[in-house]
């Protein structure tokens, strides 16, 4: 499963942890290993109940799909499993959009904006969203998704430079080239 979009959505939600917590109806670890997670599909709440049996690779000795960096958290694995169950299995969620996942977990509106057509409008929207502590993510030309951590305007030599701080949610450096 190529879940770059899903990983980015969860990392984006980590900017406001209460949004993740709100999606979990089962708040504590339990001996039964049963968890209920709420999604919103077209504004309608859908409760997905899952167990904590996760796909496991005998070859690598790790959880098969999503996992925390140090292996001591499973919340993201549970959300991913619930998302897959909601859509009919892991093979059905191999690609998607960050905004769809954000909307499904928060019931908040999302917007997909193509910067090529109106870059000034995009910049204005990003500044407003940043100021209001909104959630921002972007997709690179290579098709990788990134968490937008900050939006800046810096005056240099009488010119305003627009800067965006992004984080690759997959945790891998894709390029050492400077962004333009």
C-alpha atoms as a PDB file:
ATOM      1  CA  UNK A   1       0.000   0.000   0.000  1.00  0.00           C
ATOM      2  CA  UNK A   2       1.398   3.390  -1.010  1.00  0.00           C
ATOM      3  CA  UNK A   3      -0.009   5.470   1.808  1.00  0.00           C
ATOM      4  CA  UNK A   4       2.049   8.647   1.417  1.00  0.00           C
ATOM      5  CA  UNK A   5      -1.166  10.674   1.224  1.00  0.00           C
ATOM      6  CA  UNK A   6      -2.519   8.983   4.349  1.00  0.00           C
ATOM      7  CA  UNK A   7       0.723   9.393   6.299  1.00  0.00           C
ATOM      8  CA  UNK A   8       0.803  13.079   5.386  1.00  0.00           C
ATOM      9  CA  UNK A   9      -2.812  13.525   6.511  1.00  0.00           C
ATOM     10  CA  UNK A  10      -2.049  11.992   9.919  1.00  0.00           C
ATOM     11  CA  UNK A  11       1.143  14.026  10.306  1.00  0.00           C
ATOM     12  CA  UNK A  12      -0.834  17.128   9.400  1.00  0.00           C
ATOM     13  CA  UNK A  13      -3.438  16.271  12.041  1.00  0.00           C
ATOM     14  CA  UNK A  14      -0.636  15.937  14.601  1.00  0.00           C
ATOM     15  CA  UNK A  15      -0.367  19.722  14.415  1.00  0.00           C
ATOM     16  CA  UNK A  16      -3.658  19.730  16.344  1.00  0.00           C
ATOM     17  CA  UNK A  17      -3.638  16.469  18.365  1.00  0.00           C
ATOM     18  CA  UNK A  18      -7.170  16.931  19.689  1.00  0.00           C
ATOM     19  CA  UNK A  19      -8.444  16.268  16.159  1.00  0.00           C
ATOM     20  CA  UNK A  20      -6.931  12.779  16.237  1.00  0.00           C
ATOM     21  CA  UNK A  21      -8.171  12.157  19.751  1.00  0.00           C
ATOM     22  CA  UNK A  22     -11.687  13.233  18.741  1.00  0.00           C
ATOM     23  CA  UNK A  23     -11.746  10.560  16.011  1.00  0.00           C
ATOM     24  CA  UNK A  24     -11.087   7.795  18.550  1.00  0.00           C
ATOM     25  CA  UNK A  25     -14.287   6.828  20.329  1.00  0.00           C
ATOM     26  CA  UNK A  26     -12.315   4.218  22.287  1.00  0.00           C
ATOM     27  CA  UNK A  27      -9.927   6.425  24.232  1.00  0.00           C
ATOM     28  CA  UNK A  28      -7.929   3.848  26.193  1.00  0.00           C
ATOM     29  CA  UNK A  29      -6.056   0.656  25.402  1.00  0.00           C
ATOM     30  CA  UNK A  30      -8.248  -2.274  26.361  1.00  0.00           C
ATOM     31  CA  UNK A  31      -7.765  -5.992  26.954  1.00  0.00           C
ATOM     32  CA  UNK A  32     -10.269  -6.897  24.240  1.00  0.00           C
ATOM     33  CA  UNK A  33      -8.183  -5.024  21.653  1.00  0.00           C
ATOM     34  CA  UNK A  34     -11.306  -3.463  20.121  1.00  0.00           C
ATOM     35  CA  UNK A  35     -11.349   0.166  18.984  1.00  0.00           C
ATOM     36  CA  UNK A  36     -13.996   2.410  17.452  1.00  0.00           C
ATOM     37  CA  UNK A  37     -12.926   5.232  15.160  1.00  0.00           C
ATOM     38  CA  UNK A  38     -15.286   7.830  13.716  1.00  0.00           C
ATOM     39  CA  UNK A  39     -15.018   9.079  10.170  1.00  0.00           C
ATOM     40  CA  UNK A  40     -17.298  11.509   8.374  1.00  0.00           C
ATOM     41  CA  UNK A  41     -18.344  10.553   4.873  1.00  0.00           C
ATOM     42  CA  UNK A  42     -20.176  13.399   3.148  1.00  0.00           C
ATOM     43  CA  UNK A  43     -20.801  14.851   6.612  1.00  0.00           C
ATOM     44  CA  UNK A  44     -22.388  11.670   7.940  1.00  0.00           C
ATOM     45  CA  UNK A  45     -20.616  10.004  10.872  1.00  0.00           C
ATOM     46  CA  UNK A  46     -19.478   6.426  10.198  1.00  0.00           C
ATOM     47  CA  UNK A  47     -18.211   4.403  13.137  1.00  0.00           C
ATOM     48  CA  UNK A  48     -15.655   1.761  12.181  1.00  0.00           C
ATOM     49  CA  UNK A  49     -14.893  -0.923  14.758  1.00  0.00           C
ATOM     50  CA  UNK A  50     -11.587  -2.766  14.427  1.00  0.00           C
ATOM     51  CA  UNK A  51      -9.379  -5.059  16.458  1.00  0.00           C
ATOM     52  CA  UNK A  52      -5.704  -4.518  17.143  1.00  0.00           C
ATOM     53  CA  UNK A  53      -4.500  -7.435  14.992  1.00  0.00           C
ATOM     54  CA  UNK A  54      -2.290  -5.687  12.454  1.00  0.00           C
ATOM     55  CA  UNK A  55      -0.667  -6.914   9.243  1.00  0.00           C
ATOM     56  CA  UNK A  56       2.808  -8.124  10.126  1.00  0.00           C
ATOM     57  CA  UNK A  57       5.810  -8.933   7.965  1.00  0.00           C
ATOM     58  CA  UNK A  58       7.615 -12.045   9.132  1.00  0.00           C
ATOM     59  CA  UNK A  59      10.480 -11.085   6.848  1.00  0.00           C
ATOM     60  CA  UNK A  60      11.162  -7.674   8.411  1.00  0.00           C
ATOM     61  CA  UNK A  61       9.642  -8.359  11.822  1.00  0.00           C
ATOM     62  CA  UNK A  62       7.647  -5.121  11.594  1.00  0.00           C
ATOM     63  CA  UNK A  63       4.056  -4.033  11.188  1.00  0.00           C
ATOM     64  CA  UNK A  64       3.199  -4.344   7.504  1.00  0.00           C
ATOM     65  CA  UNK A  65       2.144  -0.807   6.697  1.00  0.00           C
ATOM     66  CA  UNK A  66       2.176   2.298   8.868  1.00  0.00           C
ATOM     67  CA  UNK A  67       4.257   2.352  12.022  1.00  0.00           C
ATOM     68  CA  UNK A  68       5.745   4.843  14.408  1.00  0.00           C
ATOM     69  CA  UNK A  69       9.400   5.732  14.106  1.00  0.00           C
ATOM     70  CA  UNK A  70      10.346   4.054  17.376  1.00  0.00           C
ATOM     71  CA  UNK A  71       7.620   1.383  17.283  1.00  0.00           C
ATOM     72  CA  UNK A  72       5.941   2.249  20.574  1.00  0.00           C
ATOM     73  CA  UNK A  73       2.700   3.722  19.224  1.00  0.00           C
ATOM     74  CA  UNK A  74      -0.052   2.008  17.267  1.00  0.00           C
ATOM     75  CA  UNK A  75      -2.692   4.728  16.967  1.00  0.00           C
ATOM     76  CA  UNK A  76      -1.749   5.499  13.354  1.00  0.00           C
ATOM     77  CA  UNK A  77      -1.870   1.784  12.477  1.00  0.00           C
ATOM     78  CA  UNK A  78      -5.369   1.593  13.951  1.00  0.00           C
ATOM     79  CA  UNK A  79      -6.584   4.639  11.998  1.00  0.00           C
ATOM     80  CA  UNK A  80      -5.071   3.210   8.819  1.00  0.00           C
ATOM     81  CA  UNK A  81      -6.734  -0.175   9.435  1.00  0.00           C
ATOM     82  CA  UNK A  82     -10.090   1.518  10.049  1.00  0.00           C
ATOM     83  CA  UNK A  83      -9.664   3.600   6.861  1.00  0.00           C
ATOM     84  CA  UNK A  84      -8.883   0.433   4.900  1.00  0.00           C
ATOM     85  CA  UNK A  85     -11.891  -1.373   6.405  1.00  0.00           C
ATOM     86  CA  UNK A  86     -14.135   1.566   5.549  1.00  0.00           C
ATOM     87  CA  UNK A  87     -13.034   1.285   1.912  1.00  0.00           C
ATOM     88  CA  UNK A  88     -13.038  -2.497   1.544  1.00  0.00           C
ATOM     89  CA  UNK A  89      -9.431  -3.407   2.361  1.00  0.00           C
ATOM     90  CA  UNK A  90      -5.869  -2.168   2.238  1.00  0.00           C
ATOM     91  CA  UNK A  91      -5.669  -2.717  -1.512  1.00  0.00           C
ATOM     92  CA  UNK A  92      -8.499  -0.199  -2.001  1.00  0.00           C
ATOM     93  CA  UNK A  93      -6.685   2.719  -0.318  1.00  0.00           C
ATOM     94  CA  UNK A  94      -3.353   2.592  -2.114  1.00  0.00           C
ATOM     95  CA  UNK A  95      -3.695   6.162  -3.352  1.00  0.00           C
ATOM     96  CA  UNK A  96      -5.757   9.181  -2.499  1.00  0.00           C
ATOM     97  CA  UNK A  97      -5.827  12.808  -1.457  1.00  0.00           C
ATOM     98  CA  UNK A  98      -4.716  14.291   1.831  1.00  0.00           C
ATOM     99  CA  UNK A  99      -7.772  16.557   1.953  1.00  0.00           C
ATOM    100  CA  UNK A 100     -10.191  13.641   1.715  1.00  0.00           C
ATOM    101  CA  UNK A 101      -8.606  12.001   4.770  1.00  0.00           C
ATOM    102  CA  UNK A 102      -8.486  15.299   6.697  1.00  0.00           C
ATOM    103  CA  UNK A 103     -12.160  15.930   5.975  1.00  0.00           C
ATOM    104  CA  UNK A 104     -13.136  12.368   6.869  1.00  0.00           C
ATOM    105  CA  UNK A 105     -11.385  12.529  10.246  1.00  0.00           C
ATOM    106  CA  UNK A 106     -12.387  16.079  11.225  1.00  0.00           C
ATOM    107  CA  UNK A 107     -15.634  16.813   9.369  1.00  0.00           C
ATOM    108  CA  UNK A 108     -14.070  20.132   8.449  1.00  0.00           C
ATOM    109  CA  UNK A 109     -14.080  21.514   4.913  1.00  0.00           C
ATOM    110  CA  UNK A 110     -10.960  21.035   2.819  1.00  0.00           C
ATOM    111  CA  UNK A 111      -9.861  22.588  -0.425  1.00  0.00           C
ATOM    112  CA  UNK A 112      -7.645  21.293  -3.206  1.00  0.00           C
ATOM    113  CA  UNK A 113      -6.008  24.222  -4.956  1.00  0.00           C
ATOM    114  CA  UNK A 114      -3.866  24.086  -8.103  1.00  0.00           C
ATOM    115  CA  UNK A 115      -1.163  26.733  -7.705  1.00  0.00           C
ATOM    116  CA  UNK A 116      -0.283  26.812 -11.392  1.00  0.00           C
ATOM    117  CA  UNK A 117      -3.376  28.799 -12.320  1.00  0.00           C
ATOM    118  CA  UNK A 118      -3.494  31.435  -9.576  1.00  0.00           C
ATOM    119  CA  UNK A 119      -0.321  31.467  -7.436  1.00  0.00           C
ATOM    120  CA  UNK A 120      -1.189  34.789  -5.764  1.00  0.00           C
ATOM    121  CA  UNK A 121      -4.571  33.430  -4.640  1.00  0.00           C
ATOM    122  CA  UNK A 122      -2.882  30.312  -3.285  1.00  0.00           C
ATOM    123  CA  UNK A 123      -0.366  32.405  -1.334  1.00  0.00           C
ATOM    124  CA  UNK A 124      -3.167  34.521   0.151  1.00  0.00           C
ATOM    125  CA  UNK A 125      -5.067  31.376   1.195  1.00  0.00           C
ATOM    126  CA  UNK A 126      -1.941  29.854   2.730  1.00  0.00           C
ATOM    127  CA  UNK A 127      -1.204  33.009   4.727  1.00  0.00           C
ATOM    128  CA  UNK A 128      -4.749  33.108   6.100  1.00  0.00           C
ATOM    129  CA  UNK A 129      -4.745  29.398   6.930  1.00  0.00           C
ATOM    130  CA  UNK A 130      -1.360  29.714   8.647  1.00  0.00           C
ATOM    131  CA  UNK A 131      -2.485  32.726  10.678  1.00  0.00           C
ATOM    132  CA  UNK A 132      -5.658  30.888  11.747  1.00  0.00           C
ATOM    133  CA  UNK A 133      -3.644  27.743  12.639  1.00  0.00           C
ATOM    134  CA  UNK A 134      -5.306  25.835   9.816  1.00  0.00           C
ATOM    135  CA  UNK A 135      -3.972  22.560   8.515  1.00  0.00           C
ATOM    136  CA  UNK A 136      -1.914  22.729   5.335  1.00  0.00           C
ATOM    137  CA  UNK A 137      -0.386  20.042   3.137  1.00  0.00           C
ATOM    138  CA  UNK A 138       1.020  20.106  -0.367  1.00  0.00           C
ATOM    139  CA  UNK A 139       1.930  17.743  -3.157  1.00  0.00           C
ATOM    140  CA  UNK A 140       5.216  18.032  -5.032  1.00  0.00           C
ATOM    141  CA  UNK A 141       5.641  17.737  -8.772  1.00  0.00           C
ATOM    142  CA  UNK A 142       7.004  14.227  -8.102  1.00  0.00           C
ATOM    143  CA  UNK A 143       3.726  13.221  -6.482  1.00  0.00           C
ATOM    144  CA  UNK A 144       4.957  13.127  -2.897  1.00  0.00           C
ATOM    145  CA  UNK A 145       2.890  14.757  -0.189  1.00  0.00           C
ATOM    146  CA  UNK A 146       4.328  17.060   2.435  1.00  0.00           C
ATOM    147  CA  UNK A 147       3.165  18.705   5.622  1.00  0.00           C
ATOM    148  CA  UNK A 148       3.308  22.521   5.478  1.00  0.00           C
ATOM    149  CA  UNK A 149       4.749  23.662   8.805  1.00  0.00           C
ATOM    150  CA  UNK A 150       5.011  27.416   8.232  1.00  0.00           C
ATOM    151  CA  UNK A 151       4.453  30.185   5.705  1.00  0.00           C
ATOM    152  CA  UNK A 152       6.743  33.231   5.783  1.00  0.00           C
ATOM    153  CA  UNK A 153       7.295  36.488   3.973  1.00  0.00           C
ATOM    154  CA  UNK A 154      10.771  37.930   4.347  1.00  0.00           C
ATOM    155  CA  UNK A 155      11.962  41.317   3.075  1.00  0.00           C
ATOM    156  CA  UNK A 156      15.343  41.114   1.350  1.00  0.00           C
ATOM    157  CA  UNK A 157      16.949  43.970  -0.564  1.00  0.00           C
ATOM    158  CA  UNK A 158      13.615  45.704  -1.031  1.00  0.00           C
ATOM    159  CA  UNK A 159      11.916  42.569  -2.306  1.00  0.00           C
ATOM    160  CA  UNK A 160       9.466  40.286  -0.495  1.00  0.00           C
ATOM    161  CA  UNK A 161      10.443  36.612  -0.639  1.00  0.00           C
ATOM    162  CA  UNK A 162       7.746  34.011  -0.047  1.00  0.00           C
ATOM    163  CA  UNK A 163       8.925  30.962   1.888  1.00  0.00           C
ATOM    164  CA  UNK A 164       7.151  27.740   2.779  1.00  0.00           C
ATOM    165  CA  UNK A 165       8.580  25.321   5.331  1.00  0.00           C
ATOM    166  CA  UNK A 166       7.557  21.775   4.459  1.00  0.00           C
ATOM    167  CA  UNK A 167       8.265  18.408   6.005  1.00  0.00           C
ATOM    168  CA  UNK A 168       8.327  15.177   4.067  1.00  0.00           C
ATOM    169  CA  UNK A 169       5.931  13.021   6.036  1.00  0.00           C
ATOM    170  CA  UNK A 170       7.682   9.855   4.907  1.00  0.00           C
ATOM    171  CA  UNK A 171      10.844  11.068   6.660  1.00  0.00           C
ATOM    172  CA  UNK A 172      13.119  10.585   3.668  1.00  0.00           C
ATOM    173  CA  UNK A 173      15.148  13.256   1.922  1.00  0.00           C
ATOM    174  CA  UNK A 174      14.106  13.189  -1.712  1.00  0.00           C
ATOM    175  CA  UNK A 175      16.372  15.915  -3.051  1.00  0.00           C
ATOM    176  CA  UNK A 176      19.247  18.038  -1.862  1.00  0.00           C
ATOM    177  CA  UNK A 177      18.460  20.722  -4.424  1.00  0.00           C
ATOM    178  CA  UNK A 178      17.237  24.073  -3.107  1.00  0.00           C
ATOM    179  CA  UNK A 179      13.541  24.759  -3.603  1.00  0.00           C
ATOM    180  CA  UNK A 180      12.609  27.478  -6.064  1.00  0.00           C
END
